[in-house]
Amino acid sequence: MSNSRIVSYKCPYCGREFEVEIWDTVTAASDPDLRDRCLSGDLFRLSCPHCKQEFMVQYPLIYIDEDHRFILWLSEKEAPESLRRTTGTLHEKGYVMRRCSTLKEFCEKIQILEDGVSDVMAELAKYDCFIEFVDNGRGTPEEITGVEYQRTENGIMKITVRCSDKGMSFMIPLSMLEEEMNQNPEIYELHNDIFPLVNADWIMSLFEEADGTA
């Protein structure tokens, strides 16, 4: 069951307070409309009734998808012990448990795990595409504004590397990513039950450690 509460929030524009509904838990299977609002960002978009300004507010949220067996903890802080204690049986049932530090990571993680692919594999694919984009002279690291997971269909993952004025899409067979991961499987090991961060910074740290540059 999804759970929400009413809190008082001060508008960053006019400084006046107003009451808003925020969600502590979203259960995708029982509330698909909330799932859609998470992906669109509308769940975190507030509108001040006084000055009419709209703005985004990221607040801690537990997102549960029973159909695809994953739980996300949206927060800049690590998952509290109270949350970890409640997920022991779910971990045994094969649930993926992750922390997302930003709304962008949160939305992308939902798409990846709904597609039924490993988010570790998706981050590896994004990293490989970043390197190839730079090595092929398509742009410098400083020019790249984003590396985005798009979708996975028929065993092919699509990744897009974006610059301010251009972009390039890569189509990567999952079999190729699996082969790459199988070469050094130990470096991709995770403690799933502590809600690890699996994002661009994480994958880069793995290769920095492997190269001895961390």
C-alpha atoms as a PDB file:
ATOM      1  CA  MET A   1       0.000   0.000   0.000  1.00  0.00           C
ATOM      2  CA  SER A   2       1.212   3.501  -0.823  1.00  0.00           C
ATOM      3  CA  ASN A   3       1.374   5.953   2.066  1.00  0.00           C
ATOM      4  CA  SER A   4       1.402   9.733   2.130  1.00  0.00           C
ATOM      5  CA  ARG A   5       1.223  12.529   4.684  1.00  0.00           C
ATOM      6  CA  ILE A   6       0.577  16.250   4.799  1.00  0.00           C
ATOM      7  CA  VAL A   7       3.498  18.507   5.708  1.00  0.00           C
ATOM      8  CA  SER A   8       4.113  22.228   5.838  1.00  0.00           C
ATOM      9  CA  TYR A   9       6.564  23.563   3.265  1.00  0.00           C
ATOM     10  CA  LYS A  10       8.078  27.036   2.808  1.00  0.00           C
ATOM     11  CA  CYS A  11       8.104  28.335  -0.756  1.00  0.00           C
ATOM     12  CA  PRO A  12      11.689  29.104  -1.886  1.00  0.00           C
ATOM     13  CA  TYR A  13      10.365  32.021  -3.957  1.00  0.00           C
ATOM     14  CA  CYS A  14       7.969  33.974  -1.738  1.00  0.00           C
ATOM     15  CA  GLY A  15       8.879  32.465   1.643  1.00  0.00           C
ATOM     16  CA  ARG A  16       5.282  31.711   2.633  1.00  0.00           C
ATOM     17  CA  GLU A  17       4.275  28.346   4.017  1.00  0.00           C
ATOM     18  CA  PHE A  18       1.661  26.009   2.607  1.00  0.00           C
ATOM     19  CA  GLU A  19       0.592  22.416   3.106  1.00  0.00           C
ATOM     20  CA  VAL A  20       1.527  19.718   0.607  1.00  0.00           C
ATOM     21  CA  GLU A  21       1.080  15.971   0.296  1.00  0.00           C
ATOM     22  CA  ILE A  22       4.289  13.977   0.161  1.00  0.00           C
ATOM     23  CA  TRP A  23       4.642  10.223  -0.245  1.00  0.00           C
ATOM     24  CA  ASP A  24       6.640   7.992   2.080  1.00  0.00           C
ATOM     25  CA  THR A  25       5.928   4.801   0.134  1.00  0.00           C
ATOM     26  CA  VAL A  26       4.782   4.109  -3.428  1.00  0.00           C
ATOM     27  CA  THR A  27       3.653   0.608  -4.357  1.00  0.00           C
ATOM     28  CA  ALA A  28       3.646   0.406  -8.136  1.00  0.00           C
ATOM     29  CA  ALA A  29       1.387  -2.643  -8.503  1.00  0.00           C
ATOM     30  CA  SER A  30      -1.480  -1.212  -6.472  1.00  0.00           C
ATOM     31  CA  ASP A  31      -1.060   2.416  -7.572  1.00  0.00           C
ATOM     32  CA  PRO A  32       0.055   2.555 -11.225  1.00  0.00           C
ATOM     33  CA  ASP A  33      -0.906   6.235 -11.407  1.00  0.00           C
ATOM     34  CA  LEU A  34       1.691   6.996  -8.733  1.00  0.00           C
ATOM     35  CA  ARG A  35       4.222   4.970 -10.680  1.00  0.00           C
ATOM     36  CA  ASP A  36       3.535   7.181 -13.717  1.00  0.00           C
ATOM     37  CA  ARG A  37       3.860  10.324 -11.581  1.00  0.00           C
ATOM     38  CA  CYS A  38       7.245   9.079 -10.325  1.00  0.00           C
ATOM     39  CA  LEU A  39       8.524   8.597 -13.880  1.00  0.00           C
ATOM     40  CA  SER A  40       7.225  11.974 -15.052  1.00  0.00           C
ATOM     41  CA  GLY A  41       8.496  13.744 -11.937  1.00  0.00           C
ATOM     42  CA  ASP A  42       5.032  15.089 -11.113  1.00  0.00           C
ATOM     43  CA  LEU A  43       5.109  13.418  -7.694  1.00  0.00           C
ATOM     44  CA  PHE A  44       7.912  15.802  -6.711  1.00  0.00           C
ATOM     45  CA  ARG A  45       6.600  18.925  -8.432  1.00  0.00           C
ATOM     46  CA  LEU A  46       5.055  21.459  -6.047  1.00  0.00           C
ATOM     47  CA  SER A  47       3.069  24.591  -6.800  1.00  0.00           C
ATOM     48  CA  CYS A  48       2.920  27.461  -4.332  1.00  0.00           C
ATOM     49  CA  PRO A  49      -0.703  28.584  -3.881  1.00  0.00           C
ATOM     50  CA  HIS A  50       0.492  32.082  -2.949  1.00  0.00           C
ATOM     51  CA  CYS A  51       2.918  33.086  -5.717  1.00  0.00           C
ATOM     52  CA  LYS A  52       1.948  30.301  -8.183  1.00  0.00           C
ATOM     53  CA  GLN A  53       5.578  29.285  -8.739  1.00  0.00           C
ATOM     54  CA  GLU A  54       6.273  25.633  -9.498  1.00  0.00           C
ATOM     55  CA  PHE A  55       9.406  23.835  -8.334  1.00  0.00           C
ATOM     56  CA  MET A  56      10.788  20.349  -7.730  1.00  0.00           C
ATOM     57  CA  VAL A  57      11.402  18.961  -4.261  1.00  0.00           C
ATOM     58  CA  GLN A  58      13.189  15.668  -3.706  1.00  0.00           C
ATOM     59  CA  TYR A  59      12.171  13.949  -0.499  1.00  0.00           C
ATOM     60  CA  PRO A  60      12.920  10.456   0.872  1.00  0.00           C
ATOM     61  CA  LEU A  61      10.717   7.794  -0.702  1.00  0.00           C
ATOM     62  CA  ILE A  62      10.454   4.006  -0.688  1.00  0.00           C
ATOM     63  CA  TYR A  63       9.396   2.669  -4.094  1.00  0.00           C
ATOM     64  CA  ILE A  64       8.221  -0.951  -4.240  1.00  0.00           C
ATOM     65  CA  ASP A  65       7.614  -2.916  -7.430  1.00  0.00           C
ATOM     66  CA  GLU A  66       6.370  -6.384  -6.552  1.00  0.00           C
ATOM     67  CA  ASP A  67       5.852  -7.441 -10.171  1.00  0.00           C
ATOM     68  CA  HIS A  68       9.458  -6.756 -11.161  1.00  0.00           C
ATOM     69  CA  ARG A  69      10.881  -7.516  -7.701  1.00  0.00           C
ATOM     70  CA  PHE A  70      12.756  -4.385  -6.769  1.00  0.00           C
ATOM     71  CA  ILE A  71      12.744  -1.753  -4.048  1.00  0.00           C
ATOM     72  CA  LEU A  72      14.279   1.709  -4.408  1.00  0.00           C
ATOM     73  CA  TRP A  73      15.236   4.083  -1.631  1.00  0.00           C
ATOM     74  CA  LEU A  74      15.285   7.657  -2.958  1.00  0.00           C
ATOM     75  CA  SER A  75      17.515   9.735  -0.727  1.00  0.00           C
ATOM     76  CA  GLU A  76      20.879  11.436  -0.565  1.00  0.00           C
ATOM     77  CA  LYS A  77      21.450   9.495   2.664  1.00  0.00           C
ATOM     78  CA  GLU A  78      21.998   5.773   3.150  1.00  0.00           C
ATOM     79  CA  ALA A  79      18.990   3.581   3.887  1.00  0.00           C
ATOM     80  CA  PRO A  80      18.134   3.644   7.601  1.00  0.00           C
ATOM     81  CA  GLU A  81      18.516   0.502   9.663  1.00  0.00           C
ATOM     82  CA  SER A  82      14.742   0.371  10.158  1.00  0.00           C
ATOM     83  CA  LEU A  83      14.296  -0.065   6.391  1.00  0.00           C
ATOM     84  CA  ARG A  84      17.061  -2.643   6.070  1.00  0.00           C
ATOM     85  CA  ARG A  85      15.531  -4.785   8.817  1.00  0.00           C
ATOM     86  CA  THR A  86      12.219  -5.053   6.960  1.00  0.00           C
ATOM     87  CA  THR A  87      13.713  -6.298   3.695  1.00  0.00           C
ATOM     88  CA  GLY A  88      15.456  -9.484   4.813  1.00  0.00           C
ATOM     89  CA  THR A  89      12.850 -11.874   3.424  1.00  0.00           C
ATOM     90  CA  LEU A  90      12.530  -9.843   0.232  1.00  0.00           C
ATOM     91  CA  HIS A  91      16.269 -10.151  -0.325  1.00  0.00           C
ATOM     92  CA  GLU A  92      15.916 -13.930  -0.019  1.00  0.00           C
ATOM     93  CA  LYS A  93      13.133 -13.836  -2.618  1.00  0.00           C
ATOM     94  CA  GLY A  94      15.449 -12.197  -5.134  1.00  0.00           C
ATOM     95  CA  TYR A  95      14.404  -8.573  -4.837  1.00  0.00           C
ATOM     96  CA  VAL A  96      16.879  -5.981  -6.110  1.00  0.00           C
ATOM     97  CA  MET A  97      17.366  -3.196  -3.559  1.00  0.00           C
ATOM     98  CA  ARG A  98      19.017   0.059  -4.528  1.00  0.00           C
ATOM     99  CA  ARG A  99      19.483   3.612  -3.309  1.00  0.00           C
ATOM    100  CA  CYS A 100      19.018   6.491  -5.762  1.00  0.00           C
ATOM    101  CA  SER A 101      20.585   9.788  -4.756  1.00  0.00           C
ATOM    102  CA  THR A 102      18.851  11.934  -7.396  1.00  0.00           C
ATOM    103  CA  LEU A 103      15.497  12.036  -9.155  1.00  0.00           C
ATOM    104  CA  LYS A 104      17.221  11.415 -12.481  1.00  0.00           C
ATOM    105  CA  GLU A 105      18.818   8.228 -11.173  1.00  0.00           C
ATOM    106  CA  PHE A 106      15.492   7.212  -9.632  1.00  0.00           C
ATOM    107  CA  CYS A 107      13.507   7.537 -12.875  1.00  0.00           C
ATOM    108  CA  GLU A 108      16.172   5.768 -14.915  1.00  0.00           C
ATOM    109  CA  LYS A 109      16.459   2.948 -12.361  1.00  0.00           C
ATOM    110  CA  ILE A 110      12.726   2.264 -12.598  1.00  0.00           C
ATOM    111  CA  GLN A 111      12.983   1.967 -16.383  1.00  0.00           C
ATOM    112  CA  ILE A 112      16.024  -0.318 -16.242  1.00  0.00           C
ATOM    113  CA  LEU A 113      14.570  -2.712 -13.680  1.00  0.00           C
ATOM    114  CA  GLU A 114      11.149  -2.752 -15.324  1.00  0.00           C
ATOM    115  CA  ASP A 115      12.918  -3.843 -18.514  1.00  0.00           C
ATOM    116  CA  GLY A 116      14.231  -6.811 -16.562  1.00  0.00           C
ATOM    117  CA  VAL A 117      17.926  -6.105 -17.059  1.00  0.00           C
ATOM    118  CA  SER A 118      20.728  -5.689 -14.558  1.00  0.00           C
ATOM    119  CA  ASP A 119      21.359  -2.089 -13.539  1.00  0.00           C
ATOM    120  CA  VAL A 120      25.026  -3.037 -13.124  1.00  0.00           C
ATOM    121  CA  MET A 121      25.053  -4.071 -16.763  1.00  0.00           C
ATOM    122  CA  ALA A 122      23.294  -0.830 -17.741  1.00  0.00           C
ATOM    123  CA  GLU A 123      25.898   1.277 -15.931  1.00  0.00           C
ATOM    124  CA  LEU A 124      28.672  -0.709 -17.604  1.00  0.00           C
ATOM    125  CA  ALA A 125      27.064  -0.077 -20.984  1.00  0.00           C
ATOM    126  CA  LYS A 126      26.798   3.648 -20.251  1.00  0.00           C
ATOM    127  CA  TYR A 127      30.458   3.746 -19.205  1.00  0.00           C
ATOM    128  CA  ASP A 128      31.593   1.882 -22.333  1.00  0.00           C
ATOM    129  CA  CYS A 129      29.578   4.246 -24.551  1.00  0.00           C
ATOM    130  CA  PHE A 130      31.078   7.270 -22.796  1.00  0.00           C
ATOM    131  CA  ILE A 131      34.598   5.966 -23.445  1.00  0.00           C
ATOM    132  CA  GLU A 132      33.862   5.093 -27.072  1.00  0.00           C
ATOM    133  CA  PHE A 133      32.250   8.475 -27.706  1.00  0.00           C
ATOM    134  CA  VAL A 134      35.341  10.277 -26.413  1.00  0.00           C
ATOM    135  CA  ASP A 135      37.895   7.925 -27.996  1.00  0.00           C
ATOM    136  CA  ASN A 136      36.239   8.325 -31.396  1.00  0.00           C
ATOM    137  CA  GLY A 137      36.557  12.097 -31.191  1.00  0.00           C
ATOM    138  CA  ARG A 138      32.821  12.733 -30.970  1.00  0.00           C
ATOM    139  CA  GLY A 139      33.326  15.056 -28.038  1.00  0.00           C
ATOM    140  CA  THR A 140      35.365  15.724 -24.928  1.00  0.00           C
ATOM    141  CA  PRO A 141      34.312  14.590 -21.463  1.00  0.00           C
ATOM    142  CA  GLU A 142      33.634  18.222 -20.579  1.00  0.00           C
ATOM    143  CA  GLU A 143      31.216  18.570 -23.502  1.00  0.00           C
ATOM    144  CA  ILE A 144      29.123  15.549 -22.555  1.00  0.00           C
ATOM    145  CA  THR A 145      25.932  16.582 -20.758  1.00  0.00           C
ATOM    146  CA  GLY A 146      24.493  13.132 -20.161  1.00  0.00           C
ATOM    147  CA  VAL A 147      24.740   9.409 -20.788  1.00  0.00           C
ATOM    148  CA  GLU A 148      21.262   7.908 -20.712  1.00  0.00           C
ATOM    149  CA  TYR A 149      19.738   4.464 -20.680  1.00  0.00           C
ATOM    150  CA  GLN A 150      16.894   4.332 -23.204  1.00  0.00           C
ATOM    151  CA  ARG A 151      15.498   0.791 -23.396  1.00  0.00           C
ATOM    152  CA  THR A 152      16.279  -2.897 -23.865  1.00  0.00           C
ATOM    153  CA  GLU A 153      14.467  -4.889 -26.537  1.00  0.00           C
ATOM    154  CA  ASN A 154      15.219  -8.270 -28.136  1.00  0.00           C
ATOM    155  CA  GLY A 155      18.519  -8.591 -26.323  1.00  0.00           C
ATOM    156  CA  ILE A 156      19.752  -5.133 -27.395  1.00  0.00           C
ATOM    157  CA  MET A 157      20.344  -2.215 -25.027  1.00  0.00           C
ATOM    158  CA  LYS A 158      20.136   1.340 -26.329  1.00  0.00           C
ATOM    159  CA  ILE A 159      22.310   4.027 -24.723  1.00  0.00           C
ATOM    160  CA  THR A 160      22.446   7.685 -25.777  1.00  0.00           C
ATOM    161  CA  VAL A 161      25.397  10.007 -25.164  1.00  0.00           C
ATOM    162  CA  ARG A 162      24.419  13.671 -25.303  1.00  0.00           C
ATOM    163  CA  CYS A 163      26.330  16.919 -25.757  1.00  0.00           C
ATOM    164  CA  SER A 164      24.797  20.371 -25.742  1.00  0.00           C
ATOM    165  CA  ASP A 165      24.385  20.463 -29.523  1.00  0.00           C
ATOM    166  CA  LYS A 166      24.547  16.803 -30.566  1.00  0.00           C
ATOM    167  CA  GLY A 167      24.092  13.228 -29.466  1.00  0.00           C
ATOM    168  CA  MET A 168      24.858   9.677 -30.459  1.00  0.00           C
ATOM    169  CA  SER A 169      22.997   6.431 -29.762  1.00  0.00           C
ATOM    170  CA  PHE A 170      24.636   3.047 -29.257  1.00  0.00           C
ATOM    171  CA  MET A 171      22.974  -0.349 -29.667  1.00  0.00           C
ATOM    172  CA  ILE A 172      24.739  -2.940 -27.512  1.00  0.00           C
ATOM    173  CA  PRO A 173      23.973  -6.689 -27.424  1.00  0.00           C
ATOM    174  CA  LEU A 174      23.406  -7.954 -23.890  1.00  0.00           C
ATOM    175  CA  SER A 175      25.572 -10.953 -24.732  1.00  0.00           C
ATOM    176  CA  MET A 176      28.552  -8.649 -25.241  1.00  0.00           C
ATOM    177  CA  LEU A 177      27.971  -6.974 -21.867  1.00  0.00           C
ATOM    178  CA  GLU A 178      27.585 -10.339 -20.149  1.00  0.00           C
ATOM    179  CA  GLU A 179      30.888 -11.486 -21.644  1.00  0.00           C
ATOM    180  CA  GLU A 180      32.608  -8.328 -20.406  1.00  0.00           C
ATOM    181  CA  MET A 181      31.222  -8.753 -16.899  1.00  0.00           C
ATOM    182  CA  ASN A 182      32.185 -12.436 -16.788  1.00  0.00           C
ATOM    183  CA  GLN A 183      35.844 -11.532 -17.343  1.00  0.00           C
ATOM    184  CA  ASN A 184      36.047  -9.992 -13.842  1.00  0.00           C
ATOM    185  CA  PRO A 185      32.813 -10.853 -12.006  1.00  0.00           C
ATOM    186  CA  GLU A 186      34.246 -10.134  -8.567  1.00  0.00           C
ATOM    187  CA  ILE A 187      34.526  -6.384  -9.172  1.00  0.00           C
ATOM    188  CA  TYR A 188      30.777  -6.101  -9.763  1.00  0.00           C
ATOM    189  CA  GLU A 189      29.728  -7.855  -6.553  1.00  0.00           C
ATOM    190  CA  LEU A 190      27.250  -5.942  -4.379  1.00  0.00           C
ATOM    191  CA  HIS A 191      25.770  -6.154  -0.902  1.00  0.00           C
ATOM    192  CA  ASN A 192      22.199  -5.956  -2.127  1.00  0.00           C
ATOM    193  CA  ASP A 193      20.573  -5.785   1.318  1.00  0.00           C
ATOM    194  CA  ILE A 194      22.222  -2.469   2.240  1.00  0.00           C
ATOM    195  CA  PHE A 195      20.657  -0.586  -0.694  1.00  0.00           C
ATOM    196  CA  PRO A 196      23.881   0.184  -2.596  1.00  0.00           C
ATOM    197  CA  LEU A 197      24.261   3.044  -5.038  1.00  0.00           C
ATOM    198  CA  VAL A 198      24.722   1.758  -8.574  1.00  0.00           C
ATOM    199  CA  ASN A 199      25.288   4.810 -10.754  1.00  0.00           C
ATOM    200  CA  ALA A 200      27.868   6.554 -12.935  1.00  0.00           C
ATOM    201  CA  ASP A 201      30.109   7.468  -9.992  1.00  0.00           C
ATOM    202  CA  TRP A 202      30.024   3.867  -8.765  1.00  0.00           C
ATOM    203  CA  ILE A 203      30.998   2.305 -12.101  1.00  0.00           C
ATOM    204  CA  MET A 204      33.789   4.852 -12.598  1.00  0.00           C
ATOM    205  CA  SER A 205      35.164   4.080  -9.138  1.00  0.00           C
ATOM    206  CA  LEU A 206      35.397   0.390 -10.054  1.00  0.00           C
ATOM    207  CA  PHE A 207      37.620   1.095 -13.038  1.00  0.00           C
ATOM    208  CA  GLU A 208      39.688   3.637 -11.116  1.00  0.00           C
ATOM    209  CA  GLU A 209      40.341   1.008  -8.454  1.00  0.00           C
ATOM    210  CA  ALA A 210      41.188  -1.582 -11.094  1.00  0.00           C
ATOM    211  CA  ASP A 211      43.651   0.851 -12.701  1.00  0.00           C
ATOM    212  CA  GLY A 212      45.114   1.817  -9.326  1.00  0.00           C
ATOM    213  CA  THR A 213      44.132   5.460  -9.747  1.00  0.00           C
ATOM    214  CA  ALA A 214      41.578   5.626  -6.908  1.00  0.00           C
END
